């Protein structure tokens, strides 16, 4: 949505969203043997080589990004209802190769509550968002 707003709502774009808006940690999540040619573009080097204005996605907490990110870039922080996020992530973990969570939802919910899922502690993400100068949060 951010890319579309920034570029004037282009509905007939042929280039994939993953190419137009790189996902910084994609390579590390896929592993070098699983990284396809299209995914290989979605790393920090590819993002740096893009012409501006750029839209770059990450699930990393703000404190894991460059220290000057808040002064050099506009940051859009999106947060979901924690219960919705837990259910969605549970299904994602069960479907994605190399992650394949095999436990029950109750077991996963306990891991999620304790911040022990692959993308880190969801509630920690919410705490570090306070580093933003202005913040608007919409939960769906």
C-alpha atoms as a PDB file:
ATOM      1  CA  UNK A   1       0.000   0.000   0.000  1.00  0.00           C
ATOM      2  CA  UNK A   2       2.819   2.425   0.847  1.00  0.00           C
ATOM      3  CA  UNK A   3       4.525   1.736  -2.497  1.00  0.00           C
ATOM      4  CA  UNK A   4       1.254   2.379  -4.341  1.00  0.00           C
ATOM      5  CA  UNK A   5       0.621   5.654  -2.484  1.00  0.00           C
ATOM      6  CA  UNK A   6       4.175   6.819  -3.139  1.00  0.00           C
ATOM      7  CA  UNK A   7       3.988   5.948  -6.848  1.00  0.00           C
ATOM      8  CA  UNK A   8       0.479   7.113  -7.695  1.00  0.00           C
ATOM      9  CA  UNK A   9      -1.503   3.843  -7.587  1.00  0.00           C
ATOM     10  CA  UNK A  10      -0.177   1.867 -10.540  1.00  0.00           C
ATOM     11  CA  UNK A  11      -2.501  -1.109 -10.960  1.00  0.00           C
ATOM     12  CA  UNK A  12      -0.828  -2.535 -14.064  1.00  0.00           C
ATOM     13  CA  UNK A  13       2.716  -2.878 -12.691  1.00  0.00           C
ATOM     14  CA  UNK A  14       4.390  -6.051 -14.002  1.00  0.00           C
ATOM     15  CA  UNK A  15       7.294  -6.061 -11.537  1.00  0.00           C
ATOM     16  CA  UNK A  16       6.592  -8.094  -8.382  1.00  0.00           C
ATOM     17  CA  UNK A  17       6.085  -6.338  -5.077  1.00  0.00           C
ATOM     18  CA  UNK A  18       9.102  -8.177  -3.676  1.00  0.00           C
ATOM     19  CA  UNK A  19      11.245  -6.525  -6.335  1.00  0.00           C
ATOM     20  CA  UNK A  20       9.678  -3.063  -5.986  1.00  0.00           C
ATOM     21  CA  UNK A  21       9.832  -3.152  -2.198  1.00  0.00           C
ATOM     22  CA  UNK A  22      12.636  -5.371  -0.886  1.00  0.00           C
ATOM     23  CA  UNK A  23      12.277  -7.307   2.345  1.00  0.00           C
ATOM     24  CA  UNK A  24      15.599  -6.813   4.161  1.00  0.00           C
ATOM     25  CA  UNK A  25      15.872 -10.116   5.976  1.00  0.00           C
ATOM     26  CA  UNK A  26      14.486 -12.347   3.189  1.00  0.00           C
ATOM     27  CA  UNK A  27      17.854 -13.921   2.365  1.00  0.00           C
ATOM     28  CA  UNK A  28      18.534 -14.833   5.981  1.00  0.00           C
ATOM     29  CA  UNK A  29      15.087 -16.390   6.357  1.00  0.00           C
ATOM     30  CA  UNK A  30      15.334 -18.444   3.174  1.00  0.00           C
ATOM     31  CA  UNK A  31      18.932 -19.581   3.542  1.00  0.00           C
ATOM     32  CA  UNK A  32      21.460 -19.316   0.728  1.00  0.00           C
ATOM     33  CA  UNK A  33      20.547 -22.688  -0.842  1.00  0.00           C
ATOM     34  CA  UNK A  34      16.846 -21.816  -0.907  1.00  0.00           C
ATOM     35  CA  UNK A  35      17.259 -18.267  -2.181  1.00  0.00           C
ATOM     36  CA  UNK A  36      15.883 -17.886  -5.689  1.00  0.00           C
ATOM     37  CA  UNK A  37      17.235 -15.364  -8.162  1.00  0.00           C
ATOM     38  CA  UNK A  38      14.211 -13.119  -7.538  1.00  0.00           C
ATOM     39  CA  UNK A  39      14.669 -13.308  -3.766  1.00  0.00           C
ATOM     40  CA  UNK A  40      18.386 -12.577  -4.005  1.00  0.00           C
ATOM     41  CA  UNK A  41      17.537  -8.971  -4.811  1.00  0.00           C
ATOM     42  CA  UNK A  42      15.808  -8.492  -1.483  1.00  0.00           C
ATOM     43  CA  UNK A  43      18.730  -7.671   0.703  1.00  0.00           C
ATOM     44  CA  UNK A  44      20.476  -4.596   1.954  1.00  0.00           C
ATOM     45  CA  UNK A  45      22.734  -4.242  -1.091  1.00  0.00           C
ATOM     46  CA  UNK A  46      19.792  -4.340  -3.474  1.00  0.00           C
ATOM     47  CA  UNK A  47      17.873  -1.823  -1.401  1.00  0.00           C
ATOM     48  CA  UNK A  48      20.872   0.514  -1.377  1.00  0.00           C
ATOM     49  CA  UNK A  49      21.150   0.287  -5.179  1.00  0.00           C
ATOM     50  CA  UNK A  50      17.515   1.235  -5.802  1.00  0.00           C
ATOM     51  CA  UNK A  51      16.581   4.691  -7.035  1.00  0.00           C
ATOM     52  CA  UNK A  52      14.683   6.834  -4.562  1.00  0.00           C
ATOM     53  CA  UNK A  53      12.169   7.177  -3.231  1.00  0.00           C
ATOM     54  CA  UNK A  54      12.378   3.609  -1.941  1.00  0.00           C
ATOM     55  CA  UNK A  55       9.989   1.500   0.080  1.00  0.00           C
ATOM     56  CA  UNK A  56      11.837  -1.132   2.099  1.00  0.00           C
ATOM     57  CA  UNK A  57      10.175  -3.714   4.355  1.00  0.00           C
ATOM     58  CA  UNK A  58      11.495  -5.363   7.494  1.00  0.00           C
ATOM     59  CA  UNK A  59      10.235  -7.170  10.566  1.00  0.00           C
ATOM     60  CA  UNK A  60      13.302  -6.069  12.518  1.00  0.00           C
ATOM     61  CA  UNK A  61      12.829  -3.915  15.622  1.00  0.00           C
ATOM     62  CA  UNK A  62      13.875  -0.294  15.210  1.00  0.00           C
ATOM     63  CA  UNK A  63      16.899  -0.781  17.471  1.00  0.00           C
ATOM     64  CA  UNK A  64      18.310  -3.334  14.994  1.00  0.00           C
ATOM     65  CA  UNK A  65      18.219  -0.855  12.112  1.00  0.00           C
ATOM     66  CA  UNK A  66      20.880   1.811  11.431  1.00  0.00           C
ATOM     67  CA  UNK A  67      20.978   4.375  14.250  1.00  0.00           C
ATOM     68  CA  UNK A  68      20.160   7.234  11.872  1.00  0.00           C
ATOM     69  CA  UNK A  69      17.142   5.562  10.252  1.00  0.00           C
ATOM     70  CA  UNK A  70      14.687   7.872  12.016  1.00  0.00           C
ATOM     71  CA  UNK A  71      16.487  11.020  10.865  1.00  0.00           C
ATOM     72  CA  UNK A  72      17.236   9.884   7.304  1.00  0.00           C
ATOM     73  CA  UNK A  73      14.016   8.045   6.437  1.00  0.00           C
ATOM     74  CA  UNK A  74      10.304   8.086   6.990  1.00  0.00           C
ATOM     75  CA  UNK A  75       9.311   5.060   9.017  1.00  0.00           C
ATOM     76  CA  UNK A  76       5.875   3.485   8.863  1.00  0.00           C
ATOM     77  CA  UNK A  77       5.366   1.152  11.803  1.00  0.00           C
ATOM     78  CA  UNK A  78       2.524  -1.308  11.338  1.00  0.00           C
ATOM     79  CA  UNK A  79       1.226  -3.367  14.230  1.00  0.00           C
ATOM     80  CA  UNK A  80      -1.526  -5.941  14.335  1.00  0.00           C
ATOM     81  CA  UNK A  81      -3.735  -7.132  17.142  1.00  0.00           C
ATOM     82  CA  UNK A  82      -1.508  -9.577  19.087  1.00  0.00           C
ATOM     83  CA  UNK A  83      -4.137 -12.340  18.999  1.00  0.00           C
ATOM     84  CA  UNK A  84      -4.560 -11.993  15.222  1.00  0.00           C
ATOM     85  CA  UNK A  85      -0.793 -11.876  14.776  1.00  0.00           C
ATOM     86  CA  UNK A  86      -0.323 -15.053  16.822  1.00  0.00           C
ATOM     87  CA  UNK A  87      -2.925 -17.008  14.820  1.00  0.00           C
ATOM     88  CA  UNK A  88      -1.548 -15.764  11.498  1.00  0.00           C
ATOM     89  CA  UNK A  89       2.045 -16.502  12.454  1.00  0.00           C
ATOM     90  CA  UNK A  90       1.078 -19.990  13.685  1.00  0.00           C
ATOM     91  CA  UNK A  91      -0.330 -20.858  10.249  1.00  0.00           C
ATOM     92  CA  UNK A  92       2.655 -19.224   8.526  1.00  0.00           C
ATOM     93  CA  UNK A  93       5.088 -21.283  10.620  1.00  0.00           C
ATOM     94  CA  UNK A  94       3.256 -24.490   9.737  1.00  0.00           C
ATOM     95  CA  UNK A  95       3.286 -23.780   5.985  1.00  0.00           C
ATOM     96  CA  UNK A  96       6.752 -22.340   5.337  1.00  0.00           C
ATOM     97  CA  UNK A  97       9.486 -24.853   4.444  1.00  0.00           C
ATOM     98  CA  UNK A  98      12.406 -24.962   6.891  1.00  0.00           C
ATOM     99  CA  UNK A  99      10.187 -23.644   9.686  1.00  0.00           C
ATOM    100  CA  UNK A 100       7.400 -26.231   9.773  1.00  0.00           C
ATOM    101  CA  UNK A 101       6.150 -25.860  13.345  1.00  0.00           C
ATOM    102  CA  UNK A 102       4.634 -29.226  14.264  1.00  0.00           C
ATOM    103  CA  UNK A 103       3.079 -28.444  17.633  1.00  0.00           C
ATOM    104  CA  UNK A 104      -0.439 -27.426  18.590  1.00  0.00           C
ATOM    105  CA  UNK A 105      -1.786 -23.893  18.532  1.00  0.00           C
ATOM    106  CA  UNK A 106      -1.750 -23.853  22.345  1.00  0.00           C
ATOM    107  CA  UNK A 107       1.969 -24.691  22.311  1.00  0.00           C
ATOM    108  CA  UNK A 108       2.645 -22.012  19.715  1.00  0.00           C
ATOM    109  CA  UNK A 109       0.596 -19.416  21.615  1.00  0.00           C
ATOM    110  CA  UNK A 110       2.744 -20.073  24.687  1.00  0.00           C
ATOM    111  CA  UNK A 111       5.933 -19.560  22.630  1.00  0.00           C
ATOM    112  CA  UNK A 112       4.455 -16.370  21.132  1.00  0.00           C
ATOM    113  CA  UNK A 113       3.498 -14.994  24.569  1.00  0.00           C
ATOM    114  CA  UNK A 114       7.038 -15.643  25.785  1.00  0.00           C
ATOM    115  CA  UNK A 115       8.702 -14.016  22.752  1.00  0.00           C
ATOM    116  CA  UNK A 116      10.149 -17.271  21.462  1.00  0.00           C
ATOM    117  CA  UNK A 117       9.222 -17.240  17.779  1.00  0.00           C
ATOM    118  CA  UNK A 118      11.570 -16.869  14.783  1.00  0.00           C
ATOM    119  CA  UNK A 119      10.923 -13.152  14.254  1.00  0.00           C
ATOM    120  CA  UNK A 120      11.507 -12.292  17.886  1.00  0.00           C
ATOM    121  CA  UNK A 121       9.362 -11.013  20.705  1.00  0.00           C
ATOM    122  CA  UNK A 122       6.252  -9.319  19.315  1.00  0.00           C
ATOM    123  CA  UNK A 123       5.755  -7.325  22.504  1.00  0.00           C
ATOM    124  CA  UNK A 124       9.357  -6.089  22.395  1.00  0.00           C
ATOM    125  CA  UNK A 125       8.637  -4.706  18.916  1.00  0.00           C
ATOM    126  CA  UNK A 126       5.751  -2.727  20.391  1.00  0.00           C
ATOM    127  CA  UNK A 127       7.957  -1.328  23.172  1.00  0.00           C
ATOM    128  CA  UNK A 128      10.742  -0.096  20.883  1.00  0.00           C
ATOM    129  CA  UNK A 129       8.269   1.667  18.598  1.00  0.00           C
ATOM    130  CA  UNK A 130       8.257   4.423  21.212  1.00  0.00           C
ATOM    131  CA  UNK A 131      11.539   5.605  19.694  1.00  0.00           C
ATOM    132  CA  UNK A 132       9.499   7.118  16.871  1.00  0.00           C
ATOM    133  CA  UNK A 133       8.878  10.847  17.198  1.00  0.00           C
ATOM    134  CA  UNK A 134       5.263  10.519  16.165  1.00  0.00           C
ATOM    135  CA  UNK A 135       3.401   7.279  16.075  1.00  0.00           C
ATOM    136  CA  UNK A 136      -0.040   6.265  14.913  1.00  0.00           C
ATOM    137  CA  UNK A 137      -1.192   2.737  15.550  1.00  0.00           C
ATOM    138  CA  UNK A 138      -4.106   0.978  13.911  1.00  0.00           C
ATOM    139  CA  UNK A 139      -4.966  -2.578  14.890  1.00  0.00           C
ATOM    140  CA  UNK A 140      -7.294  -4.633  12.727  1.00  0.00           C
END
